[in-house]
């Protein structure tokens, strides 16, 4: 009987981890572009001028467009 409870507890922990993982992916999907812009702004503040321009150029890309391009090229 004790083994069944241990197995049940393990399954419950796995379900919790999966739910947290899916929630994290959803949050990152929703706020991904905003996070990219914020990190690019911080990077441009901390780096040289050439790197700052590259970071801002990367931040202007939309993640949905990048996924579409990924589907077409397979990369």
PDB file of N, CA and C in Angstrom:
ATOM      1  N   UNK A   1       0.823  -1.196   0.000  1.00  0.00           N
ATOM      2  CA  UNK A   1       0.000   0.000   0.000  1.00  0.00           C
ATOM      3  C   UNK A   1       0.868   1.261   0.000  1.00  0.00           C
ATOM      4  N   UNK A   2       2.004   1.176   0.684  1.00  0.00           N
ATOM      5  CA  UNK A   2       2.894   2.324   0.746  1.00  0.00           C
ATOM      6  C   UNK A   2       3.478   2.641  -0.634  1.00  0.00           C
ATOM      7  N   UNK A   3       3.776   1.613  -1.431  1.00  0.00           N
ATOM      8  CA  UNK A   3       4.335   1.822  -2.761  1.00  0.00           C
ATOM      9  C   UNK A   3       3.356   2.557  -3.673  1.00  0.00           C
ATOM     10  N   UNK A   4       2.071   2.254  -3.547  1.00  0.00           N
ATOM     11  CA  UNK A   4       1.066   2.930  -4.365  1.00  0.00           C
ATOM     12  C   UNK A   4       1.017   4.419  -4.041  1.00  0.00           C
ATOM     13  N   UNK A   5       1.147   4.749  -2.769  1.00  0.00           N
ATOM     14  CA  UNK A   5       1.122   6.154  -2.380  1.00  0.00           C
ATOM     15  C   UNK A   5       2.367   6.876  -2.884  1.00  0.00           C
ATOM     16  N   UNK A   6       3.513   6.213  -2.859  1.00  0.00           N
ATOM     17  CA  UNK A   6       4.733   6.831  -3.372  1.00  0.00           C
ATOM     18  C   UNK A   6       4.623   7.070  -4.873  1.00  0.00           C
ATOM     19  N   UNK A   7       4.073   6.092  -5.594  1.00  0.00           N
ATOM     20  CA  UNK A   7       3.873   6.255  -7.031  1.00  0.00           C
ATOM     21  C   UNK A   7       2.890   7.365  -7.344  1.00  0.00           C
ATOM     22  N   UNK A   8       1.841   7.453  -6.563  1.00  0.00           N
ATOM     23  CA  UNK A   8       0.850   8.499  -6.761  1.00  0.00           C
ATOM     24  C   UNK A   8       1.473   9.867  -6.502  1.00  0.00           C
ATOM     25  N   UNK A   9       2.271   9.985  -5.469  1.00  0.00           N
ATOM     26  CA  UNK A   9       2.922  11.254  -5.153  1.00  0.00           C
ATOM     27  C   UNK A   9       3.874  11.658  -6.279  1.00  0.00           C
ATOM     28  N   UNK A  10       4.602  10.698  -6.840  1.00  0.00           N
ATOM     29  CA  UNK A  10       5.532  11.000  -7.925  1.00  0.00           C
ATOM     30  C   UNK A  10       4.773  11.506  -9.150  1.00  0.00           C
ATOM     31  N   UNK A  11       3.653  10.879  -9.467  1.00  0.00           N
ATOM     32  CA  UNK A  11       2.837  11.312 -10.605  1.00  0.00           C
ATOM     33  C   UNK A  11       2.306  12.717 -10.368  1.00  0.00           C
ATOM     34  N   UNK A  12       1.893  13.002  -9.146  1.00  0.00           N
ATOM     35  CA  UNK A  12       1.401  14.342  -8.836  1.00  0.00           C
ATOM     36  C   UNK A  12       2.494  15.387  -8.997  1.00  0.00           C
ATOM     37  N   UNK A  13       3.705  15.087  -8.564  1.00  0.00           N
ATOM     38  CA  UNK A  13       4.821  16.013  -8.735  1.00  0.00           C
ATOM     39  C   UNK A  13       5.130  16.227 -10.207  1.00  0.00           C
ATOM     40  N   UNK A  14       5.076  15.179 -10.994  1.00  0.00           N
ATOM     41  CA  UNK A  14       5.342  15.306 -12.429  1.00  0.00           C
ATOM     42  C   UNK A  14       4.285  16.183 -13.082  1.00  0.00           C
ATOM     43  N   UNK A  15       3.030  15.998 -12.705  1.00  0.00           N
ATOM     44  CA  UNK A  15       1.955  16.824 -13.259  1.00  0.00           C
ATOM     45  C   UNK A  15       2.161  18.286 -12.888  1.00  0.00           C
ATOM     46  N   UNK A  16       2.543  18.548 -11.656  1.00  0.00           N
ATOM     47  CA  UNK A  16       2.800  19.932 -11.225  1.00  0.00           C
ATOM     48  C   UNK A  16       3.934  20.546 -12.036  1.00  0.00           C
ATOM     49  N   UNK A  17       5.003  19.810 -12.240  1.00  0.00           N
ATOM     50  CA  UNK A  17       6.151  20.316 -13.011  1.00  0.00           C
ATOM     51  C   UNK A  17       5.735  20.600 -14.449  1.00  0.00           C
ATOM     52  N   UNK A  18       4.950  19.727 -15.044  1.00  0.00           N
ATOM     53  CA  UNK A  18       4.485  19.940 -16.417  1.00  0.00           C
ATOM     54  C   UNK A  18       3.596  21.181 -16.507  1.00  0.00           C
ATOM     55  N   UNK A  19       2.706  21.352 -15.558  1.00  0.00           N
ATOM     56  CA  UNK A  19       1.821  22.527 -15.567  1.00  0.00           C
ATOM     57  C   UNK A  19       2.640  23.808 -15.421  1.00  0.00           C
ATOM     58  N   UNK A  20       3.618  23.808 -14.541  1.00  0.00           N
ATOM     59  CA  UNK A  20       4.478  24.987 -14.374  1.00  0.00           C
ATOM     60  C   UNK A  20       5.261  25.260 -15.650  1.00  0.00           C
ATOM     61  N   UNK A  21       5.769  24.209 -16.297  1.00  0.00           N
ATOM     62  CA  UNK A  21       6.508  24.375 -17.547  1.00  0.00           C
ATOM     63  C   UNK A  21       5.645  24.955 -18.654  1.00  0.00           C
ATOM     64  N   UNK A  22       4.425  24.453 -18.792  1.00  0.00           N
ATOM     65  CA  UNK A  22       3.516  24.966 -19.816  1.00  0.00           C
ATOM     66  C   UNK A  22       3.156  26.417 -19.516  1.00  0.00           C
ATOM     67  N   UNK A  23       2.931  26.734 -18.258  1.00  0.00           N
ATOM     68  CA  UNK A  23       2.618  28.120 -17.884  1.00  0.00           C
ATOM     69  C   UNK A  23       3.794  29.041 -18.191  1.00  0.00           C
ATOM     70  N   UNK A  24       5.011  28.584 -17.906  1.00  0.00           N
ATOM     71  CA  UNK A  24       6.191  29.401 -18.195  1.00  0.00           C
ATOM     72  C   UNK A  24       6.330  29.640 -19.693  1.00  0.00           C
ATOM     73  N   UNK A  25       6.083  28.621 -20.509  1.00  0.00           N
ATOM     74  CA  UNK A  25       6.142  28.794 -21.959  1.00  0.00           C
ATOM     75  C   UNK A  25       5.074  29.764 -22.450  1.00  0.00           C
ATOM     76  N   UNK A  26       3.895  29.677 -21.882  1.00  0.00           N
ATOM     77  CA  UNK A  26       2.822  30.590 -22.278  1.00  0.00           C
ATOM     78  C   UNK A  26       3.167  32.030 -21.924  1.00  0.00           C
ATOM     79  N   UNK A  27       3.679  32.241 -20.729  1.00  0.00           N
ATOM     80  CA  UNK A  27       4.058  33.597 -20.304  1.00  0.00           C
ATOM     81  C   UNK A  27       5.175  34.126 -21.191  1.00  0.00           C
ATOM     82  N   UNK A  28       6.154  33.289 -21.487  1.00  0.00           N
ATOM     83  CA  UNK A  28       7.242  33.738 -22.349  1.00  0.00           C
ATOM     84  C   UNK A  28       6.737  34.014 -23.761  1.00  0.00           C
ATOM     85  N   UNK A  29       5.789  33.232 -24.237  1.00  0.00           N
ATOM     86  CA  UNK A  29       5.218  33.481 -25.552  1.00  0.00           C
ATOM     87  C   UNK A  29       4.465  34.797 -25.613  1.00  0.00           C
ATOM     88  N   UNK A  30       3.760  35.117 -24.553  1.00  0.00           N
ATOM     89  CA  UNK A  30       2.992  36.361 -24.512  1.00  0.00           C
ATOM     90  C   UNK A  30       3.911  37.573 -24.378  1.00  0.00           C
ATOM     91  N   UNK A  31       4.891  37.476 -23.489  1.00  0.00           N
ATOM     92  CA  UNK A  31       5.745  38.622 -23.192  1.00  0.00           C
ATOM     93  C   UNK A  31       7.119  38.540 -23.854  1.00  0.00           C
ATOM     94  N   UNK A  32       7.310  37.619 -24.781  1.00  0.00           N
ATOM     95  CA  UNK A  32       8.620  37.412 -25.398  1.00  0.00           C
ATOM     96  C   UNK A  32       9.161  38.642 -26.093  1.00  0.00           C
ATOM     97  N   UNK A  33       8.304  39.309 -26.878  1.00  0.00           N
ATOM     98  CA  UNK A  33       8.761  40.500 -27.602  1.00  0.00           C
ATOM     99  C   UNK A  33       9.109  41.632 -26.645  1.00  0.00           C
ATOM    100  N   UNK A  34       8.305  41.790 -25.602  1.00  0.00           N
ATOM    101  CA  UNK A  34       8.581  42.834 -24.616  1.00  0.00           C
ATOM    102  C   UNK A  34       9.894  42.562 -23.889  1.00  0.00           C
ATOM    103  N   UNK A  35      10.108  41.294 -23.505  1.00  0.00           N
ATOM    104  CA  UNK A  35      11.360  40.946 -22.839  1.00  0.00           C
ATOM    105  C   UNK A  35      12.549  41.183 -23.745  1.00  0.00           C
ATOM    106  N   UNK A  36      12.406  40.850 -25.030  1.00  0.00           N
ATOM    107  CA  UNK A  36      13.497  41.060 -25.974  1.00  0.00           C
ATOM    108  C   UNK A  36      13.853  42.539 -26.081  1.00  0.00           C
ATOM    109  N   UNK A  37      12.824  43.400 -26.141  1.00  0.00           N
ATOM    110  CA  UNK A  37      13.065  44.838 -26.211  1.00  0.00           C
ATOM    111  C   UNK A  37      13.765  45.351 -24.955  1.00  0.00           C
ATOM    112  N   UNK A  38      13.339  44.875 -23.800  1.00  0.00           N
ATOM    113  CA  UNK A  38      13.947  45.321 -22.542  1.00  0.00           C
ATOM    114  C   UNK A  38      15.408  44.894 -22.460  1.00  0.00           C
ATOM    115  N   UNK A  39      15.692  43.635 -22.827  1.00  0.00           N
ATOM    116  CA  UNK A  39      17.074  43.167 -22.797  1.00  0.00           C
ATOM    117  C   UNK A  39      17.932  43.901 -23.824  1.00  0.00           C
ATOM    118  N   UNK A  40      17.362  44.213 -24.982  1.00  0.00           N
ATOM    119  CA  UNK A  40      18.115  44.959 -25.988  1.00  0.00           C
ATOM    120  C   UNK A  40      18.430  46.364 -25.485  1.00  0.00           C
ATOM    121  N   UNK A  41      17.473  46.979 -24.798  1.00  0.00           N
ATOM    122  CA  UNK A  41      17.726  48.300 -24.231  1.00  0.00           C
ATOM    123  C   UNK A  41      18.818  48.260 -23.182  1.00  0.00           C
ATOM    124  N   UNK A  42      18.789  47.252 -22.330  1.00  0.00           N
ATOM    125  CA  UNK A  42      19.831  47.119 -21.310  1.00  0.00           C
ATOM    126  C   UNK A  42      21.181  46.826 -21.959  1.00  0.00           C
ATOM    127  N   UNK A  43      21.177  45.995 -22.991  1.00  0.00           N
ATOM    128  CA  UNK A  43      22.423  45.672 -23.687  1.00  0.00           C
ATOM    129  C   UNK A  43      23.000  46.902 -24.366  1.00  0.00           C
ATOM    130  N   UNK A  44      22.136  47.676 -25.005  1.00  0.00           N
ATOM    131  CA  UNK A  44      22.641  48.862 -25.697  1.00  0.00           C
ATOM    132  C   UNK A  44      23.192  49.888 -24.720  1.00  0.00           C
ATOM    133  N   UNK A  45      22.661  49.911 -23.519  1.00  0.00           N
ATOM    134  CA  UNK A  45      23.169  50.828 -22.510  1.00  0.00           C
ATOM    135  C   UNK A  45      24.543  50.394 -22.007  1.00  0.00           C
ATOM    136  N   UNK A  46      24.770  49.102 -21.935  1.00  0.00           N
ATOM    137  CA  UNK A  46      25.997  48.586 -21.350  1.00  0.00           C
ATOM    138  C   UNK A  46      27.123  48.302 -22.347  1.00  0.00           C
ATOM    139  N   UNK A  47      26.827  48.334 -23.637  1.00  0.00           N
ATOM    140  CA  UNK A  47      27.842  47.952 -24.617  1.00  0.00           C
ATOM    141  C   UNK A  47      28.267  49.124 -25.474  1.00  0.00           C
ATOM    142  N   UNK A  48      29.180  48.829 -26.398  1.00  0.00           N
ATOM    143  CA  UNK A  48      29.683  49.869 -27.298  1.00  0.00           C
ATOM    144  C   UNK A  48      28.627  50.225 -28.331  1.00  0.00           C
ATOM    145  N   UNK A  49      28.882  51.242 -29.109  1.00  0.00           N
ATOM    146  CA  UNK A  49      27.919  51.756 -30.075  1.00  0.00           C
ATOM    147  C   UNK A  49      27.576  50.733 -31.155  1.00  0.00           C
ATOM    148  N   UNK A  50      28.569  50.030 -31.689  1.00  0.00           N
ATOM    149  CA  UNK A  50      28.306  49.054 -32.749  1.00  0.00           C
ATOM    150  C   UNK A  50      27.421  47.920 -32.249  1.00  0.00           C
ATOM    151  N   UNK A  51      27.726  47.419 -31.076  1.00  0.00           N
ATOM    152  CA  UNK A  51      26.920  46.340 -30.515  1.00  0.00           C
ATOM    153  C   UNK A  51      25.522  46.820 -30.151  1.00  0.00           C
ATOM    154  N   UNK A  52      25.401  48.066 -29.742  1.00  0.00           N
ATOM    155  CA  UNK A  52      24.098  48.609 -29.380  1.00  0.00           C
ATOM    156  C   UNK A  52      23.181  48.667 -30.597  1.00  0.00           C
ATOM    157  N   UNK A  53      23.732  49.054 -31.743  1.00  0.00           N
ATOM    158  CA  UNK A  53      22.920  49.103 -32.962  1.00  0.00           C
ATOM    159  C   UNK A  53      22.446  47.711 -33.347  1.00  0.00           C
ATOM    160  N   UNK A  54      23.332  46.728 -33.224  1.00  0.00           N
ATOM    161  CA  UNK A  54      22.950  45.346 -33.536  1.00  0.00           C
ATOM    162  C   UNK A  54      21.867  44.852 -32.583  1.00  0.00           C
ATOM    163  N   UNK A  55      21.989  45.185 -31.304  1.00  0.00           N
ATOM    164  CA  UNK A  55      21.004  44.745 -30.320  1.00  0.00           C
ATOM    165  C   UNK A  55      19.650  45.372 -30.599  1.00  0.00           C
ATOM    166  N   UNK A  56      19.634  46.648 -30.965  1.00  0.00           N
ATOM    167  CA  UNK A  56      18.360  47.303 -31.263  1.00  0.00           C
ATOM    168  C   UNK A  56      17.730  46.717 -32.529  1.00  0.00           C
ATOM    169  N   UNK A  57      18.558  46.388 -33.510  1.00  0.00           N
ATOM    170  CA  UNK A  57      18.053  45.790 -34.744  1.00  0.00           C
ATOM    171  C   UNK A  57      17.414  44.430 -34.455  1.00  0.00           C
ATOM    172  N   UNK A  58      18.051  43.647 -33.590  1.00  0.00           N
ATOM    173  CA  UNK A  58      17.492  42.344 -33.215  1.00  0.00           C
ATOM    174  C   UNK A  58      16.200  42.503 -32.421  1.00  0.00           C
ATOM    175  N   UNK A  59      16.130  43.538 -31.605  1.00  0.00           N
ATOM    176  CA  UNK A  59      14.941  43.752 -30.771  1.00  0.00           C
ATOM    177  C   UNK A  59      13.737  44.156 -31.598  1.00  0.00           C
ATOM    178  N   UNK A  60      13.974  44.765 -32.743  1.00  0.00           N
ATOM    179  CA  UNK A  60      12.868  45.203 -33.587  1.00  0.00           C
ATOM    180  C   UNK A  60      12.193  44.053 -34.319  1.00  0.00           C
ATOM    181  N   UNK A  61      12.831  42.899 -34.353  1.00  0.00           N
ATOM    182  CA  UNK A  61      12.242  41.739 -35.005  1.00  0.00           C
ATOM    183  C   UNK A  61      11.088  41.215 -34.156  1.00  0.00           C
ATOM    184  N   UNK A  62      10.067  40.766 -34.815  1.00  0.00           N
ATOM    185  CA  UNK A  62       8.906  40.204 -34.144  1.00  0.00           C
ATOM    186  C   UNK A  62       9.088  38.694 -34.074  1.00  0.00           C
ATOM    187  N   UNK A  63       8.842  38.099 -32.921  1.00  0.00           N
ATOM    188  CA  UNK A  63       9.054  36.662 -32.769  1.00  0.00           C
ATOM    189  C   UNK A  63       8.139  35.854 -33.680  1.00  0.00           C
ATOM    190  N   UNK A  64       6.933  36.341 -33.951  1.00  0.00           N
ATOM    191  CA  UNK A  64       6.033  35.622 -34.857  1.00  0.00           C
ATOM    192  C   UNK A  64       6.626  35.563 -36.260  1.00  0.00           C
ATOM    193  N   UNK A  65       7.229  36.662 -36.699  1.00  0.00           N
ATOM    194  CA  UNK A  65       7.880  36.672 -38.011  1.00  0.00           C
ATOM    195  C   UNK A  65       9.057  35.707 -38.036  1.00  0.00           C
ATOM    196  N   UNK A  66       9.788  35.646 -36.943  1.00  0.00           N
ATOM    197  CA  UNK A  66      10.934  34.731 -36.874  1.00  0.00           C
ATOM    198  C   UNK A  66      10.469  33.282 -36.943  1.00  0.00           C
ATOM    199  N   UNK A  67       9.351  32.961 -36.298  1.00  0.00           N
ATOM    200  CA  UNK A  67       8.820  31.595 -36.353  1.00  0.00           C
ATOM    201  C   UNK A  67       8.351  31.251 -37.760  1.00  0.00           C
ATOM    202  N   UNK A  68       7.740  32.215 -38.452  1.00  0.00           N
ATOM    203  CA  UNK A  68       7.302  31.960 -39.832  1.00  0.00           C
ATOM    204  C   UNK A  68       8.507  31.688 -40.722  1.00  0.00           C
ATOM    205  N   UNK A  69       9.553  32.492 -40.541  1.00  0.00           N
ATOM    206  CA  UNK A  69      10.762  32.305 -41.330  1.00  0.00           C
ATOM    207  C   UNK A  69      11.397  30.946 -41.010  1.00  0.00           C
ATOM    208  N   UNK A  70      11.331  30.543 -39.741  1.00  0.00           N
ATOM    209  CA  UNK A  70      11.877  29.269 -39.320  1.00  0.00           C
ATOM    210  C   UNK A  70      11.140  28.113 -39.993  1.00  0.00           C
ATOM    211  N   UNK A  71       9.812  28.248 -40.112  1.00  0.00           N
ATOM    212  CA  UNK A  71       9.035  27.202 -40.766  1.00  0.00           C
ATOM    213  C   UNK A  71       9.415  27.063 -42.231  1.00  0.00           C
ATOM    214  N   UNK A  72       9.664  28.197 -42.904  1.00  0.00           N
ATOM    215  CA  UNK A  72       9.994  28.153 -44.323  1.00  0.00           C
ATOM    216  C   UNK A  72      11.382  27.590 -44.579  1.00  0.00           C
ATOM    217  N   UNK A  73      12.338  27.977 -43.743  1.00  0.00           N
ATOM    218  CA  UNK A  73      13.717  27.549 -43.975  1.00  0.00           C
ATOM    219  C   UNK A  73      14.067  26.289 -43.239  1.00  0.00           C
ATOM    220  N   UNK A  74      13.317  25.951 -42.197  1.00  0.00           N
ATOM    221  CA  UNK A  74      13.629  24.763 -41.399  1.00  0.00           C
ATOM    222  C   UNK A  74      14.721  25.008 -40.392  1.00  0.00           C
ATOM    223  N   UNK A  75      15.164  26.243 -40.256  1.00  0.00           N
ATOM    224  CA  UNK A  75      16.202  26.578 -39.265  1.00  0.00           C
ATOM    225  C   UNK A  75      15.643  27.411 -38.161  1.00  0.00           C
TER     226      UNK A  75
END
